[in-house]
Amino acid sequence: MTALPYRVEKPWGHELIWARMIERPMSQGAAFHIEPKVIHQFEAVVPTDLLEASTPEIDDVVRLKDRYGRV
């Protein structure tokens, strides 16, 4: 696996890739653990209820993008 960031040559120059997208299909009742400080995003392709549980330390949450107006 290539270390981040990595360089991708383009006809107009190059791009630096700073992240990897991982697709993980999940089924009903499935659980997934995300290590602390890992930037992550969930996207559902069908109507879905997602429960996110966290540790009591709420001061370490940084929302990069949030459609519900939370900060």
PDB file of N, CA and C in Angstrom:
ATOM      1  N   MET A   1       0.844  -1.175   0.000  1.00  0.00           N
ATOM      2  CA  MET A   1       0.000   0.000   0.000  1.00  0.00           C
ATOM      3  C   MET A   1       0.893   1.242   0.000  1.00  0.00           C
ATOM      4  N   THR A   2       0.551   2.196  -0.828  1.00  0.00           N
ATOM      5  CA  THR A   2       1.332   3.415  -0.969  1.00  0.00           C
ATOM      6  C   THR A   2       1.113   4.339   0.225  1.00  0.00           C
ATOM      7  N   ALA A   3       2.185   4.956   0.698  1.00  0.00           N
ATOM      8  CA  ALA A   3       2.078   5.892   1.825  1.00  0.00           C
ATOM      9  C   ALA A   3       1.360   7.165   1.375  1.00  0.00           C
ATOM     10  N   LEU A   4       0.690   7.811   2.319  1.00  0.00           N
ATOM     11  CA  LEU A   4      -0.014   9.072   2.042  1.00  0.00           C
ATOM     12  C   LEU A   4       0.858  10.243   2.435  1.00  0.00           C
ATOM     13  N   PRO A   5       0.805  11.374   1.815  1.00  0.00           N
ATOM     14  CA  PRO A   5       0.135  11.566   0.516  1.00  0.00           C
ATOM     15  C   PRO A   5       0.972  10.943  -0.588  1.00  0.00           C
ATOM     16  N   TYR A   6       0.307  10.635  -1.707  1.00  0.00           N
ATOM     17  CA  TYR A   6       1.067  10.160  -2.860  1.00  0.00           C
ATOM     18  C   TYR A   6       0.714  10.983  -4.088  1.00  0.00           C
ATOM     19  N   ARG A   7       1.619  10.999  -5.032  1.00  0.00           N
ATOM     20  CA  ARG A   7       1.513  11.867  -6.205  1.00  0.00           C
ATOM     21  C   ARG A   7       0.956  11.083  -7.388  1.00  0.00           C
ATOM     22  N   VAL A   8      -0.015  11.676  -8.077  1.00  0.00           N
ATOM     23  CA  VAL A   8      -0.595  11.087  -9.276  1.00  0.00           C
ATOM     24  C   VAL A   8      -0.365  12.072 -10.415  1.00  0.00           C
ATOM     25  N   GLU A   9       0.363  11.636 -11.422  1.00  0.00           N
ATOM     26  CA  GLU A   9       0.635  12.504 -12.571  1.00  0.00           C
ATOM     27  C   GLU A   9      -0.629  12.681 -13.408  1.00  0.00           C
ATOM     28  N   LYS A  10      -0.868  13.894 -13.863  1.00  0.00           N
ATOM     29  CA  LYS A  10      -2.009  14.248 -14.706  1.00  0.00           C
ATOM     30  C   LYS A  10      -1.497  15.008 -15.922  1.00  0.00           C
ATOM     31  N   PRO A  11      -2.275  15.097 -17.006  1.00  0.00           N
ATOM     32  CA  PRO A  11      -1.828  15.837 -18.187  1.00  0.00           C
ATOM     33  C   PRO A  11      -1.508  17.299 -17.881  1.00  0.00           C
ATOM     34  N   TRP A  12      -2.153  17.872 -16.879  1.00  0.00           N
ATOM     35  CA  TRP A  12      -1.957  19.277 -16.529  1.00  0.00           C
ATOM     36  C   TRP A  12      -0.958  19.477 -15.388  1.00  0.00           C
ATOM     37  N   GLY A  13      -0.384  18.413 -14.894  1.00  0.00           N
ATOM     38  CA  GLY A  13       0.564  18.511 -13.779  1.00  0.00           C
ATOM     39  C   GLY A  13       0.465  17.272 -12.914  1.00  0.00           C
ATOM     40  N   HIS A  14       0.113  17.444 -11.643  1.00  0.00           N
ATOM     41  CA  HIS A  14      -0.049  16.310 -10.743  1.00  0.00           C
ATOM     42  C   HIS A  14      -1.054  16.640  -9.655  1.00  0.00           C
ATOM     43  N   GLU A  15      -1.528  15.605  -8.978  1.00  0.00           N
ATOM     44  CA  GLU A  15      -2.405  15.738  -7.809  1.00  0.00           C
ATOM     45  C   GLU A  15      -1.744  15.005  -6.652  1.00  0.00           C
ATOM     46  N   LEU A  16      -1.939  15.527  -5.456  1.00  0.00           N
ATOM     47  CA  LEU A  16      -1.506  14.824  -4.252  1.00  0.00           C
ATOM     48  C   LEU A  16      -2.733  14.203  -3.608  1.00  0.00           C
ATOM     49  N   ILE A  17      -2.698  12.915  -3.382  1.00  0.00           N
ATOM     50  CA  ILE A  17      -3.813  12.189  -2.765  1.00  0.00           C
ATOM     51  C   ILE A  17      -3.506  12.058  -1.275  1.00  0.00           C
ATOM     52  N   TRP A  18      -4.414  12.589  -0.456  1.00  0.00           N
ATOM     53  CA  TRP A  18      -4.199  12.648   0.996  1.00  0.00           C
ATOM     54  C   TRP A  18      -5.062  11.652   1.779  1.00  0.00           C
ATOM     55  N   ALA A  19      -5.963  10.928   1.122  1.00  0.00           N
ATOM     56  CA  ALA A  19      -6.854  10.023   1.850  1.00  0.00           C
ATOM     57  C   ALA A  19      -7.200   8.824   0.977  1.00  0.00           C
ATOM     58  N   ARG A  20      -7.677   7.797   1.606  1.00  0.00           N
ATOM     59  CA  ARG A  20      -8.171   6.610   0.905  1.00  0.00           C
ATOM     60  C   ARG A  20      -9.635   6.420   1.256  1.00  0.00           C
ATOM     61  N   MET A  21     -10.424   6.056   0.271  1.00  0.00           N
ATOM     62  CA  MET A  21     -11.827   5.740   0.505  1.00  0.00           C
ATOM     63  C   MET A  21     -11.936   4.218   0.638  1.00  0.00           C
ATOM     64  N   ILE A  22     -12.620   3.788   1.660  1.00  0.00           N
ATOM     65  CA  ILE A  22     -12.819   2.356   1.880  1.00  0.00           C
ATOM     66  C   ILE A  22     -14.314   2.100   1.873  1.00  0.00           C
ATOM     67  N   GLU A  23     -14.748   1.210   1.024  1.00  0.00           N
ATOM     68  CA  GLU A  23     -16.166   0.864   0.961  1.00  0.00           C
ATOM     69  C   GLU A  23     -16.382  -0.407   1.764  1.00  0.00           C
ATOM     70  N   ARG A  24     -17.280  -0.336   2.741  1.00  0.00           N
ATOM     71  CA  ARG A  24     -17.569  -1.491   3.579  1.00  0.00           C
ATOM     72  C   ARG A  24     -19.084  -1.711   3.616  1.00  0.00           C
ATOM     73  N   PRO A  25     -19.576  -2.593   2.779  1.00  0.00           N
ATOM     74  CA  PRO A  25     -21.013  -2.897   2.845  1.00  0.00           C
ATOM     75  C   PRO A  25     -21.345  -3.464   4.223  1.00  0.00           C
ATOM     76  N   MET A  26     -22.452  -3.008   4.783  1.00  0.00           N
ATOM     77  CA  MET A  26     -22.861  -3.467   6.114  1.00  0.00           C
ATOM     78  C   MET A  26     -24.287  -3.993   6.037  1.00  0.00           C
ATOM     79  N   SER A  27     -24.597  -4.939   6.889  1.00  0.00           N
ATOM     80  CA  SER A  27     -25.938  -5.508   6.933  1.00  0.00           C
ATOM     81  C   SER A  27     -26.628  -5.079   8.224  1.00  0.00           C
ATOM     82  N   GLN A  28     -27.900  -5.327   8.297  1.00  0.00           N
ATOM     83  CA  GLN A  28     -28.687  -4.955   9.468  1.00  0.00           C
ATOM     84  C   GLN A  28     -28.072  -5.531  10.737  1.00  0.00           C
ATOM     85  N   GLY A  29     -27.923  -4.677  11.757  1.00  0.00           N
ATOM     86  CA  GLY A  29     -27.383  -5.102  13.036  1.00  0.00           C
ATOM     87  C   GLY A  29     -25.865  -5.136  13.101  1.00  0.00           C
ATOM     88  N   ALA A  30     -25.199  -4.785  12.004  1.00  0.00           N
ATOM     89  CA  ALA A  30     -23.737  -4.832  11.972  1.00  0.00           C
ATOM     90  C   ALA A  30     -23.137  -3.694  12.788  1.00  0.00           C
ATOM     91  N   ALA A  31     -21.939  -3.892  13.280  1.00  0.00           N
ATOM     92  CA  ALA A  31     -21.214  -2.875  14.041  1.00  0.00           C
ATOM     93  C   ALA A  31     -19.873  -2.630  13.379  1.00  0.00           C
ATOM     94  N   PHE A  32     -19.352  -1.416  13.568  1.00  0.00           N
ATOM     95  CA  PHE A  32     -18.076  -1.054  12.976  1.00  0.00           C
ATOM     96  C   PHE A  32     -17.350  -0.148  13.944  1.00  0.00           C
ATOM     97  N   HIS A  33     -16.082  -0.429  14.223  1.00  0.00           N
ATOM     98  CA  HIS A  33     -15.280   0.369  15.152  1.00  0.00           C
ATOM     99  C   HIS A  33     -14.330   1.256  14.367  1.00  0.00           C
ATOM    100  N   ILE A  34     -14.287   2.535  14.712  1.00  0.00           N
ATOM    101  CA  ILE A  34     -13.378   3.480  14.078  1.00  0.00           C
ATOM    102  C   ILE A  34     -12.378   3.926  15.127  1.00  0.00           C
ATOM    103  N   GLU A  35     -11.113   3.785  14.822  1.00  0.00           N
ATOM    104  CA  GLU A  35     -10.062   4.186  15.760  1.00  0.00           C
ATOM    105  C   GLU A  35     -10.121   5.694  16.014  1.00  0.00           C
ATOM    106  N   PRO A  36      -9.735   6.143  17.209  1.00  0.00           N
ATOM    107  CA  PRO A  36      -9.710   7.576  17.507  1.00  0.00           C
ATOM    108  C   PRO A  36      -8.848   8.351  16.509  1.00  0.00           C
ATOM    109  N   LYS A  37      -9.276   9.564  16.217  1.00  0.00           N
ATOM    110  CA  LYS A  37      -8.585  10.524  15.344  1.00  0.00           C
ATOM    111  C   LYS A  37      -8.606  10.167  13.866  1.00  0.00           C
ATOM    112  N   VAL A  38      -9.397   9.154  13.486  1.00  0.00           N
ATOM    113  CA  VAL A  38      -9.520   8.791  12.075  1.00  0.00           C
ATOM    114  C   VAL A  38     -10.673   9.589  11.467  1.00  0.00           C
ATOM    115  N   ILE A  39     -10.390  10.317  10.391  1.00  0.00           N
ATOM    116  CA  ILE A  39     -11.445  11.043   9.688  1.00  0.00           C
ATOM    117  C   ILE A  39     -12.317  10.012   8.990  1.00  0.00           C
ATOM    118  N   HIS A  40     -13.634  10.125   9.168  1.00  0.00           N
ATOM    119  CA  HIS A  40     -14.525   9.122   8.599  1.00  0.00           C
ATOM    120  C   HIS A  40     -15.855   9.741   8.196  1.00  0.00           C
ATOM    121  N   GLN A  41     -16.563   9.030   7.339  1.00  0.00           N
ATOM    122  CA  GLN A  41     -17.879   9.450   6.871  1.00  0.00           C
ATOM    123  C   GLN A  41     -18.660   8.203   6.505  1.00  0.00           C
ATOM    124  N   PHE A  42     -19.950   8.195   6.839  1.00  0.00           N
ATOM    125  CA  PHE A  42     -20.825   7.101   6.438  1.00  0.00           C
ATOM    126  C   PHE A  42     -21.780   7.624   5.382  1.00  0.00           C
ATOM    127  N   GLU A  43     -22.104   6.777   4.420  1.00  0.00           N
ATOM    128  CA  GLU A  43     -23.085   7.129   3.398  1.00  0.00           C
ATOM    129  C   GLU A  43     -23.960   5.913   3.150  1.00  0.00           C
ATOM    130  N   ALA A  44     -25.264   6.095   3.255  1.00  0.00           N
ATOM    131  CA  ALA A  44     -26.203   5.000   3.030  1.00  0.00           C
ATOM    132  C   ALA A  44     -26.756   5.090   1.615  1.00  0.00           C
ATOM    133  N   VAL A  45     -26.944   3.947   0.982  1.00  0.00           N
ATOM    134  CA  VAL A  45     -27.510   3.917  -0.365  1.00  0.00           C
ATOM    135  C   VAL A  45     -28.993   3.564  -0.343  1.00  0.00           C
ATOM    136  N   VAL A  46     -29.517   3.234   0.829  1.00  0.00           N
ATOM    137  CA  VAL A  46     -30.952   2.998   1.046  1.00  0.00           C
ATOM    138  C   VAL A  46     -31.318   3.708   2.348  1.00  0.00           C
ATOM    139  N   PRO A  47     -32.612   3.981   2.588  1.00  0.00           N
ATOM    140  CA  PRO A  47     -32.988   4.610   3.859  1.00  0.00           C
ATOM    141  C   PRO A  47     -32.431   3.800   5.037  1.00  0.00           C
ATOM    142  N   THR A  48     -31.744   4.492   5.939  1.00  0.00           N
ATOM    143  CA  THR A  48     -30.992   3.816   6.997  1.00  0.00           C
ATOM    144  C   THR A  48     -31.065   4.589   8.303  1.00  0.00           C
ATOM    145  N   ASP A  49     -31.155   3.884   9.412  1.00  0.00           N
ATOM    146  CA  ASP A  49     -30.970   4.473  10.741  1.00  0.00           C
ATOM    147  C   ASP A  49     -29.579   4.068  11.197  1.00  0.00           C
ATOM    148  N   LEU A  50     -28.774   5.073  11.534  1.00  0.00           N
ATOM    149  CA  LEU A  50     -27.404   4.818  11.966  1.00  0.00           C
ATOM    150  C   LEU A  50     -27.247   5.337  13.383  1.00  0.00           C
ATOM    151  N   LEU A  51     -26.777   4.499  14.274  1.00  0.00           N
ATOM    152  CA  LEU A  51     -26.518   4.896  15.651  1.00  0.00           C
ATOM    153  C   LEU A  51     -25.018   5.068  15.806  1.00  0.00           C
ATOM    154  N   GLU A  52     -24.618   6.270  16.198  1.00  0.00           N
ATOM    155  CA  GLU A  52     -23.199   6.537  16.435  1.00  0.00           C
ATOM    156  C   GLU A  52     -23.001   6.708  17.934  1.00  0.00           C
ATOM    157  N   ALA A  53     -22.128   5.909  18.498  1.00  0.00           N
ATOM    158  CA  ALA A  53     -21.816   6.003  19.919  1.00  0.00           C
ATOM    159  C   ALA A  53     -20.370   6.443  20.054  1.00  0.00           C
ATOM    160  N   SER A  54     -20.107   7.241  21.091  1.00  0.00           N
ATOM    161  CA  SER A  54     -18.766   7.777  21.271  1.00  0.00           C
ATOM    162  C   SER A  54     -18.378   7.704  22.731  1.00  0.00           C
ATOM    163  N   THR A  55     -17.132   8.043  22.995  1.00  0.00           N
ATOM    164  CA  THR A  55     -16.648   8.114  24.368  1.00  0.00           C
ATOM    165  C   THR A  55     -17.156   9.410  24.992  1.00  0.00           C
ATOM    166  N   PRO A  56     -17.059   9.561  26.303  1.00  0.00           N
ATOM    167  CA  PRO A  56     -17.526  10.787  26.954  1.00  0.00           C
ATOM    168  C   PRO A  56     -16.725  12.037  26.576  1.00  0.00           C
ATOM    169  N   GLU A  57     -15.562  11.883  25.992  1.00  0.00           N
ATOM    170  CA  GLU A  57     -14.733  13.030  25.626  1.00  0.00           C
ATOM    171  C   GLU A  57     -15.282  13.682  24.367  1.00  0.00           C
ATOM    172  N   ILE A  58     -16.211  14.648  24.515  1.00  0.00           N
ATOM    173  CA  ILE A  58     -16.828  15.265  23.348  1.00  0.00           C
ATOM    174  C   ILE A  58     -16.025  16.449  22.816  1.00  0.00           C
ATOM    175  N   ASP A  59     -15.000  16.877  23.538  1.00  0.00           N
ATOM    176  CA  ASP A  59     -14.203  18.016  23.087  1.00  0.00           C
ATOM    177  C   ASP A  59     -13.257  17.666  21.948  1.00  0.00           C
ATOM    178  N   ASP A  60     -13.121  16.378  21.624  1.00  0.00           N
ATOM    179  CA  ASP A  60     -12.189  16.009  20.553  1.00  0.00           C
ATOM    180  C   ASP A  60     -12.884  15.774  19.218  1.00  0.00           C
ATOM    181  N   VAL A  61     -14.181  16.082  19.122  1.00  0.00           N
ATOM    182  CA  VAL A  61     -14.921  15.908  17.873  1.00  0.00           C
ATOM    183  C   VAL A  61     -14.747  17.146  17.007  1.00  0.00           C
ATOM    184  N   VAL A  62     -14.308  16.935  15.772  1.00  0.00           N
ATOM    185  CA  VAL A  62     -14.176  18.020  14.805  1.00  0.00           C
ATOM    186  C   VAL A  62     -15.027  17.635  13.610  1.00  0.00           C
ATOM    187  N   ARG A  63     -16.062  18.406  13.336  1.00  0.00           N
ATOM    188  CA  ARG A  63     -16.935  18.104  12.203  1.00  0.00           C
ATOM    189  C   ARG A  63     -16.445  18.867  10.985  1.00  0.00           C
ATOM    190  N   LEU A  64     -16.006  18.139   9.963  1.00  0.00           N
ATOM    191  CA  LEU A  64     -15.532  18.764   8.739  1.00  0.00           C
ATOM    192  C   LEU A  64     -16.699  19.152   7.839  1.00  0.00           C
ATOM    193  N   LYS A  65     -17.763  18.373   7.912  1.00  0.00           N
ATOM    194  CA  LYS A  65     -18.954  18.612   7.085  1.00  0.00           C
ATOM    195  C   LYS A  65     -20.123  17.998   7.831  1.00  0.00           C
ATOM    196  N   ASP A  66     -21.220  18.738   7.944  1.00  0.00           N
ATOM    197  CA  ASP A  66     -22.372  18.221   8.679  1.00  0.00           C
ATOM    198  C   ASP A  66     -23.647  18.824   8.118  1.00  0.00           C
ATOM    199  N   ARG A  67     -24.509  17.996   7.564  1.00  0.00           N
ATOM    200  CA  ARG A  67     -25.733  18.517   6.953  1.00  0.00           C
ATOM    201  C   ARG A  67     -26.791  18.934   7.976  1.00  0.00           C
ATOM    202  N   TYR A  68     -26.545  18.691   9.269  1.00  0.00           N
ATOM    203  CA  TYR A  68     -27.525  19.023  10.294  1.00  0.00           C
ATOM    204  C   TYR A  68     -27.161  20.266  11.105  1.00  0.00           C
ATOM    205  N   GLY A  69     -26.104  20.963  10.718  1.00  0.00           N
ATOM    206  CA  GLY A  69     -25.744  22.208  11.376  1.00  0.00           C
ATOM    207  C   GLY A  69     -25.030  22.052  12.704  1.00  0.00           C
ATOM    208  N   ARG A  70     -24.603  20.852  13.046  1.00  0.00           N
ATOM    209  CA  ARG A  70     -23.850  20.679  14.294  1.00  0.00           C
ATOM    210  C   ARG A  70     -22.433  21.194  14.100  1.00  0.00           C
ATOM    211  N   VAL A  71     -21.803  21.594  15.190  1.00  0.00           N
ATOM    212  CA  VAL A  71     -20.415  22.073  15.100  1.00  0.00           C
ATOM    213  C   VAL A  71     -19.494  21.201  15.900  1.00  0.00           C
TER     214      VAL A  71
END
